[in-house]
Protein backbone atom coordinates (compact mmCIF):
# COMPACT_ATOMS: atom_id res chain seq x y z
CA UNK A 1 0.00 0.00 0.00
CA UNK A 2 1.30 3.45 -0.92
CA UNK A 3 2.59 5.26 2.19
CA UNK A 4 0.46 8.29 3.09
CA UNK A 5 2.35 11.53 3.69
CA UNK A 6 1.42 13.77 6.55
CA UNK A 7 -0.18 16.28 4.22
CA UNK A 8 -3.76 15.17 3.55
CA UNK A 9 -5.93 16.13 0.60
CA UNK A 10 -9.43 14.91 0.00
CA UNK A 11 -10.46 13.06 -3.13
CA UNK A 12 -13.27 15.57 -3.53
CA UNK A 13 -10.80 18.38 -4.01
CA UNK A 14 -8.77 16.31 -6.46
CA UNK A 15 -11.82 15.42 -8.49
CA UNK A 16 -12.89 19.04 -8.66
CA UNK A 17 -9.45 20.28 -9.70
CA UNK A 18 -7.45 17.65 -11.47
CA UNK A 19 -9.07 16.59 -14.73
CA UNK A 20 -9.32 19.82 -16.74
CA UNK A 21 -12.39 20.51 -18.86
CA UNK A 22 -14.47 17.34 -19.10
CA UNK A 23 -18.15 18.36 -19.52
CA UNK A 24 -20.88 15.84 -18.81
CA UNK A 25 -22.86 14.55 -21.76
CA UNK A 26 -26.08 16.36 -22.49
CA UNK A 27 -29.11 14.46 -21.23
CA UNK A 28 -30.72 12.35 -23.91
CA UNK A 29 -28.08 13.08 -26.52
CA UNK A 30 -27.45 10.30 -29.02
CA UNK A 31 -23.97 8.81 -29.11
CA UNK A 32 -21.97 9.68 -32.25
CA UNK A 33 -21.64 7.10 -35.00
CA UNK A 34 -17.85 7.32 -34.90
CA UNK A 35 -15.29 7.81 -32.20
CA UNK A 36 -13.01 10.81 -32.59
CA UNK A 37 -10.04 8.51 -33.18
CA UNK A 38 -11.85 6.58 -35.92
CA UNK A 39 -13.23 9.74 -37.50
CA UNK A 40 -9.86 11.45 -37.78
CA UNK A 41 -7.35 8.64 -38.27
CA UNK A 42 -7.09 5.38 -40.17
CA UNK A 43 -5.47 2.28 -38.66
CA UNK A 44 -2.46 2.96 -40.89
CA UNK A 45 -2.21 6.49 -39.49
CA UNK A 46 -2.06 5.15 -35.95
CA UNK A 47 0.29 2.22 -36.46
CA UNK A 48 4.00 2.28 -35.68
CA UNK A 49 6.38 3.16 -38.51
CA UNK A 50 9.90 1.84 -39.11
CA UNK A 51 12.58 4.15 -37.78
CA UNK A 52 10.16 6.45 -35.99
CA UNK A 53 11.36 5.40 -32.54
CA UNK A 54 14.95 6.54 -33.09
CA UNK A 55 15.82 10.08 -31.91
CA UNK A 56 17.55 12.26 -34.52
CA UNK A 57 20.39 14.50 -33.40
CA UNK A 58 21.47 17.71 -35.12
CA UNK A 59 17.87 18.80 -35.74
CA UNK A 60 17.26 22.40 -34.66
CA UNK A 61 14.16 23.25 -36.65
CA UNK A 62 12.00 23.22 -33.52
CA UNK A 63 14.46 25.04 -31.21
CA UNK A 64 12.37 28.17 -30.94
CA UNK A 65 10.02 29.87 -28.53
CA UNK A 66 6.31 29.15 -28.70
CA UNK A 67 4.07 31.55 -30.57
CA UNK A 68 2.49 33.99 -28.09
CA UNK A 69 -1.16 33.44 -27.24
CA UNK A 70 -3.44 33.93 -24.27
CA UNK A 71 -3.54 30.78 -22.21
CA UNK A 72 -6.88 29.48 -21.02
CA UNK A 73 -7.93 30.59 -17.58
CA UNK A 74 -6.79 28.51 -14.62
CA UNK A 75 -6.58 28.61 -10.85
CA UNK A 76 -3.38 27.98 -8.96
CA UNK A 77 -3.16 24.66 -7.15
CA UNK A 78 -4.89 24.84 -3.76
CA UNK A 79 -2.83 24.37 -0.60
CA UNK A 80 -3.81 20.72 0.09
CA UNK A 81 -2.43 19.63 -3.30
CA UNK A 82 0.76 21.69 -3.48
CA UNK A 83 3.97 19.70 -3.56
CA UNK A 84 5.21 16.61 -5.41
CA UNK A 85 2.68 13.77 -5.72
CA UNK A 86 4.35 10.34 -5.59
CA UNK A 87 1.42 7.92 -5.40
CA UNK A 88 -2.13 7.68 -4.07
CA UNK A 89 -3.59 5.97 -1.00
CA UNK A 90 -6.71 4.13 -2.14
CA UNK A 91 -9.69 2.69 -0.28
CA UNK A 92 -9.37 -1.02 0.54
CA UNK A 93 -9.97 -3.24 -2.47
CA UNK A 94 -9.23 -0.55 -5.06
CA UNK A 95 -6.31 -2.05 -6.99
CA UNK A 96 -5.60 0.82 -9.37
CA UNK A 97 -2.26 1.73 -10.94
CA UNK A 98 -1.25 4.56 -13.27
CA UNK A 99 1.28 3.87 -16.00
CA UNK A 100 3.08 7.01 -17.16
CA UNK A 101 5.45 7.49 -20.07
CA UNK A 102 7.63 10.53 -20.76
CA UNK A 103 8.13 11.93 -24.26
CA UNK A 104 11.07 14.27 -23.66
CA UNK A 105 12.80 16.29 -26.36
CA UNK A 106 15.92 18.36 -25.81
CA UNK A 107 17.31 21.23 -27.92
CA UNK A 108 19.15 20.14 -31.07
CA UNK A 109 17.20 16.93 -31.63
CA UNK A 110 13.90 15.42 -32.66
CA UNK A 111 13.14 12.66 -30.17
CA UNK A 112 11.42 9.43 -31.12
CA UNK A 113 7.92 7.99 -30.87
CA UNK A 114 7.64 4.42 -29.59
CA UNK A 115 4.79 3.21 -31.78
CA UNK A 116 5.13 -0.39 -30.61
CA UNK A 117 4.50 0.70 -27.01
CA UNK A 118 1.45 2.82 -27.91
CA UNK A 119 0.08 0.14 -30.24
CA UNK A 120 0.30 -2.45 -27.44
CA UNK A 121 -1.55 -0.23 -24.98
CA UNK A 122 -4.29 0.32 -27.56
CA UNK A 123 -4.63 -3.38 -28.36
CA UNK A 124 -4.93 -4.24 -24.67
CA UNK A 125 -7.17 -1.29 -23.75
CA UNK A 126 -4.65 -0.08 -21.15
CA UNK A 127 -4.88 3.53 -20.02
CA UNK A 128 -1.79 5.67 -19.50
CA UNK A 129 -0.71 9.26 -18.89
CA UNK A 130 1.84 10.69 -21.31
CA UNK A 131 4.07 13.50 -20.07
CA UNK A 132 5.07 15.35 -23.22
CA UNK A 133 7.61 18.11 -23.79
CA UNK A 134 6.60 21.26 -25.63
CA UNK A 135 9.16 20.69 -28.38
CA UNK A 136 7.94 17.12 -28.84
CA UNK A 137 4.35 18.31 -29.21
CA UNK A 138 5.35 20.60 -32.08
CA UNK A 139 7.80 18.24 -33.79
CA UNK A 140 5.28 15.37 -33.66
CA UNK A 141 1.98 17.23 -34.09
CA UNK A 142 0.17 14.44 -36.01
CA UNK A 143 1.07 11.97 -33.25
CA UNK A 144 0.14 14.54 -30.60
CA UNK A 145 -3.32 14.87 -32.14
CA UNK A 146 -3.74 11.09 -32.11
CA UNK A 147 -2.83 10.90 -28.43
CA UNK A 148 -5.16 13.78 -27.58
CA UNK A 149 -8.02 12.09 -29.46
CA UNK A 150 -7.59 8.69 -27.81
CA UNK A 151 -9.66 8.31 -24.60
CA UNK A 152 -7.14 5.77 -23.30
CA UNK A 153 -4.51 8.47 -22.92
CA UNK A 154 -4.10 11.57 -20.80
CA UNK A 155 -1.67 14.19 -22.13
CA UNK A 156 0.38 16.13 -19.56
CA UNK A 157 3.17 18.74 -19.42
CA UNK A 158 6.83 17.66 -19.30
CA UNK A 159 8.45 21.12 -19.69
CA UNK A 160 9.46 22.82 -22.90
CA UNK A 161 12.88 21.33 -23.67
CA UNK A 162 13.75 19.00 -20.78
CA UNK A 163 15.95 21.44 -18.90
CA UNK A 164 16.67 21.11 -15.18
CA UNK A 165 14.16 23.52 -13.61
CA UNK A 166 16.18 23.60 -10.38
CA UNK A 167 18.73 25.72 -12.26
CA UNK A 168 16.27 28.19 -13.81
CA UNK A 169 14.50 31.30 -12.57
CA UNK A 170 12.47 34.20 -13.87
CA UNK A 171 11.57 34.19 -17.57
CA UNK A 172 13.46 30.99 -18.38
CA UNK A 173 11.62 29.06 -15.69
CA UNK A 174 8.29 30.45 -16.85
CA UNK A 175 9.03 29.51 -20.46
CA UNK A 176 9.79 25.91 -19.53
CA UNK A 177 6.47 25.60 -17.70
CA UNK A 178 4.26 27.63 -20.04
CA UNK A 179 5.81 26.46 -23.32
CA UNK A 180 4.03 23.09 -23.46
CA UNK A 181 0.77 24.75 -22.37
CA UNK A 182 1.06 27.14 -25.33
CA UNK A 183 1.90 24.31 -27.72
CA UNK A 184 -0.91 22.07 -26.49
CA UNK A 185 -3.56 24.78 -26.63
CA UNK A 186 -2.48 25.85 -30.13
CA UNK A 187 -2.67 22.23 -31.35
CA UNK A 188 -6.03 21.81 -29.61
CA UNK A 189 -7.46 24.89 -31.32
CA UNK A 190 -6.14 23.90 -34.74
CA UNK A 191 -7.42 20.35 -34.31
CA UNK A 192 -10.86 21.70 -33.44
CA UNK A 193 -11.11 23.16 -36.96
CA UNK A 194 -10.62 19.78 -38.64
CA UNK A 195 -13.67 18.49 -40.45
CA UNK A 196 -13.36 15.05 -38.85
CA UNK A 197 -13.98 16.55 -35.40
CA UNK A 198 -17.57 17.31 -36.41
CA UNK A 199 -18.26 13.59 -36.76
CA UNK A 200 -17.62 12.99 -33.05
CA UNK A 201 -18.70 16.11 -31.13
CA UNK A 202 -19.14 14.40 -27.77
CA UNK A 203 -15.71 12.81 -27.96
CA UNK A 204 -14.21 16.16 -28.87
CA UNK A 205 -15.79 17.85 -25.88
CA UNK A 206 -14.06 15.25 -23.68
CA UNK A 207 -10.61 16.37 -24.90
CA UNK A 208 -9.32 18.78 -22.23
CA UNK A 209 -8.67 22.33 -23.42
CA UNK A 210 -5.57 22.59 -21.24
CA UNK A 211 -3.14 20.26 -19.49
CA UNK A 212 -3.43 20.07 -15.71
CA UNK A 213 -0.49 17.81 -14.74
CA UNK A 214 3.27 18.45 -14.84
CA UNK A 215 6.38 16.27 -14.51
CA UNK A 216 9.80 17.74 -13.80
CA UNK A 217 12.63 16.85 -16.20
CA UNK A 218 15.13 14.54 -14.48
CA UNK A 219 12.62 14.31 -11.61
CA UNK A 220 14.42 17.32 -10.13
CA UNK A 221 12.88 20.40 -8.53
CA UNK A 222 13.44 22.95 -5.77
CA UNK A 223 10.93 24.99 -3.82
CA UNK A 224 10.95 27.85 -6.33
CA UNK A 225 10.29 25.64 -9.35
CA UNK A 226 7.72 23.54 -7.49
CA UNK A 227 5.88 26.69 -6.43
CA UNK A 228 6.04 28.02 -10.00
CA UNK A 229 4.47 24.83 -11.37
CA UNK A 230 1.69 24.88 -8.78
CA UNK A 231 1.11 28.61 -9.33
CA UNK A 232 0.64 27.81 -13.04
CA UNK A 233 -2.30 25.60 -12.11
CA UNK A 234 -0.44 22.31 -12.59
CA UNK A 235 -0.24 19.37 -10.22
CA UNK A 236 3.35 18.11 -9.91
CA UNK A 237 3.44 14.36 -10.54
CA UNK A 238 6.41 12.21 -9.56
CA UNK A 239 6.24 8.39 -9.18
CA UNK A 240 6.96 5.56 -6.77
CA UNK A 241 7.90 2.86 -9.32
CA UNK A 242 10.94 3.55 -11.51
CA UNK A 243 11.55 1.19 -14.44
CA UNK A 244 15.11 2.33 -15.19
CA UNK A 245 14.25 2.10 -18.88
CA UNK A 246 16.49 4.91 -20.24
CA UNK A 247 19.47 2.56 -19.74
CA UNK A 248 20.14 0.28 -22.74
CA UNK A 249 21.41 -2.33 -20.27
CA UNK A 250 17.99 -2.50 -18.58
CA UNK A 251 16.46 -5.51 -20.33
CA UNK A 252 12.77 -6.07 -20.94
CA UNK A 253 12.82 -8.81 -18.30
CA UNK A 254 14.46 -6.47 -15.77
CA UNK A 255 11.93 -3.71 -16.47
CA UNK A 256 9.04 -6.14 -16.06
CA UNK A 257 10.48 -7.52 -12.82
CA UNK A 258 10.92 -4.03 -11.44
CA UNK A 259 7.29 -3.14 -12.24
CA UNK A 260 5.94 -6.35 -10.73
CA UNK A 261 8.19 -6.13 -7.66
CA UNK A 262 7.41 -2.52 -6.79
CA UNK A 263 3.83 -1.85 -7.88
CA UNK A 264 1.27 -1.42 -5.11
CA UNK A 265 -2.33 -0.19 -5.21
CA UNK A 266 -2.11 3.53 -5.99
CA UNK A 267 1.34 3.34 -7.61
CA UNK A 268 2.52 5.67 -10.35
CA UNK A 269 4.97 3.94 -12.72
CA UNK A 270 7.44 5.90 -14.87
CA UNK A 271 8.75 4.79 -18.26
CA UNK A 272 9.65 6.43 -21.58
CA UNK A 273 7.99 6.41 -25.01
CA UNK A 274 10.32 8.79 -26.86
CA UNK A 275 12.82 6.24 -28.11
CA UNK A 276 14.80 6.25 -24.88
CA UNK A 277 12.77 3.56 -23.20
CA UNK A 278 14.99 1.10 -25.00
CA UNK A 279 13.24 -2.12 -24.00
CA UNK A 280 10.00 -0.81 -22.54
CA UNK A 281 7.70 -1.90 -25.38
CA UNK A 282 8.96 -5.47 -25.00
CA UNK A 283 8.60 -5.32 -21.21
CA UNK A 284 4.93 -4.33 -21.11
CA UNK A 285 3.58 -7.67 -22.46
CA UNK A 286 5.60 -9.37 -19.72
CA UNK A 287 4.26 -7.19 -16.89
CA UNK A 288 0.75 -6.04 -17.79
CA UNK A 289 -0.94 -9.47 -18.09
CA UNK A 290 0.50 -10.44 -14.69
CA UNK A 291 -0.72 -7.22 -13.10
CA UNK A 292 -4.16 -7.83 -14.57
CA UNK A 293 -4.11 -11.36 -13.17
CA UNK A 294 -3.38 -9.87 -9.75
CA UNK A 295 -6.52 -7.75 -10.02
CA UNK A 296 -4.96 -4.42 -11.03
CA UNK A 297 -6.84 -1.97 -13.22
CA UNK A 298 -5.04 0.70 -15.24
CA UNK A 299 -6.18 4.31 -14.98
CA UNK A 300 -4.86 7.74 -15.87
CA UNK A 301 -3.13 9.80 -13.21
CA UNK A 302 -6.14 12.11 -12.91
CA UNK A 303 -8.43 9.12 -12.41
CA UNK A 304 -6.05 7.72 -9.79
CA UNK A 305 -6.00 11.04 -7.92
CA UNK A 306 -9.79 11.19 -7.97
CA UNK A 307 -10.01 7.68 -6.46
CA UNK A 308 -8.06 8.32 -3.27
CA UNK A 309 -5.72 10.57 -1.30
CA UNK A 310 -2.37 11.55 -2.83
CA UNK A 311 0.93 11.15 -1.06
CA UNK A 312 2.50 14.62 -1.28
CA UNK A 313 6.07 15.48 -0.36
CA UNK A 314 7.96 18.76 -0.40
CA UNK A 315 10.85 17.66 -2.63
CA UNK A 316 11.27 15.84 -5.94
CA UNK A 317 13.26 12.62 -6.13
CA UNK A 318 13.42 9.27 -7.88
CA UNK A 319 13.50 6.60 -5.16
CA UNK A 320 14.99 8.43 -2.19
CA UNK A 321 15.38 12.13 -1.29
CA UNK A 322 18.38 13.77 -2.92
CA UNK A 323 19.00 11.13 -5.60
CA UNK A 324 18.22 13.53 -8.48
CA UNK A 325 20.43 16.35 -7.17
CA UNK A 326 23.29 15.12 -9.37
CA UNK A 327 21.51 16.60 -12.39
CA UNK A 328 22.40 20.06 -11.13
CA UNK A 329 25.67 19.48 -13.02
CA UNK A 330 24.76 17.66 -16.21
CA UNK A 331 28.36 17.81 -17.46
CA UNK A 332 29.44 15.40 -14.71
CA UNK A 333 26.19 13.68 -13.73
CA UNK A 334 26.97 10.65 -15.91
CA UNK A 335 30.78 10.62 -15.67
CA UNK A 336 31.66 10.18 -12.03
CA UNK A 337 34.17 7.63 -10.86
CA UNK A 338 31.64 4.85 -10.30
CA UNK A 339 31.69 1.07 -10.23
CA UNK A 340 31.61 -0.24 -13.79
CA UNK A 341 28.02 -1.53 -13.78
CA UNK A 342 26.59 1.68 -12.30
CA UNK A 343 28.60 3.85 -14.69
CA UNK A 344 27.25 1.90 -17.65
CA UNK A 345 23.70 2.40 -16.48
CA UNK A 346 24.17 6.13 -16.04
CA UNK A 347 25.87 6.52 -19.39
CA UNK A 348 23.02 4.69 -21.06
CA UNK A 349 20.47 7.06 -19.55
CA UNK A 350 22.13 10.18 -20.97
CA UNK A 351 19.47 12.54 -22.28
CA UNK A 352 16.53 10.45 -21.15
CA UNK A 353 16.01 10.99 -17.45
CA UNK A 354 18.56 8.78 -15.73
CA UNK A 355 16.37 6.75 -13.38
CA UNK A 356 18.57 3.67 -13.94
CA UNK A 357 21.11 4.59 -11.29
CA UNK A 358 18.95 3.14 -8.53
CA UNK A 359 17.39 0.22 -10.43
CA UNK A 360 19.04 -3.19 -10.72
CA UNK A 361 19.57 -4.69 -14.16
CA UNK A 362 19.59 -8.37 -13.23
């Protein structure tokens, strides 16, 4: 069972705040003939494509600020929900878990899209929350639209260009937080004009107009950046199950074992879907059927928050307090004088998030 922090927040508050705009269906309204996903995309559009998973370096076409626009209105996060949310304490018998996958993209690259991972989740009807960088949203707009249109997936903010927010302040900090909001809302508004949207009006109304969740790059924050995220109306979402998947040495079997070993009711699991979860797509078919057999149901993070009471802490970390502080110096974070196995894991996680340092690869 997820350990409850001393700060308590009621599920009622979470439900009222956390899910963005999700209007109820009009009474008596007939269901649309097509889902939004079917109306706007063919199976070929959705399917994985060869080479799409591999990040491409030396690509600077998307290294630019977002176009200015007025963001949709929001309220800052209320006091009971401020801080870093690691997992959720659920009522007895509620065996819910939230899978989350990061789609980071740094300056000077176009990151990948793990179509095999997304295709598997769709085939199995497994919900997940996708924390997406602002650059990735723009460089992969067709895929971003597909993820927004799919009711299995919740799209959330993963900063503009995967910079360490602990090291930023002022305008640069604001840009990292607001950039993905600007990108998402611009894509949302452009998508709304597509003719296919008219074929599924109820589904379209269920697509949130703004993102309401945020994940810190490298899992690293300080009080100033955590306050800035909450002031921007975003819940800060960490995790309590780390797959270690940015390390090429972390095999599919090791990822699956880590998920099965560590998952508890209310857990939030972190992986990657941007080409730097090297063996994650192969690990999911090993772990998900076993979790289902144990009675687990997969929900989005917002649904998980609405089902119980979040564990909220005042600092951001991977598995223990302070273990992400090394990313304050990215030039040396992966090149310390370490035992050979640990050094290999850290080197493999370069550019992806680096959770492998505290996850075994056996």
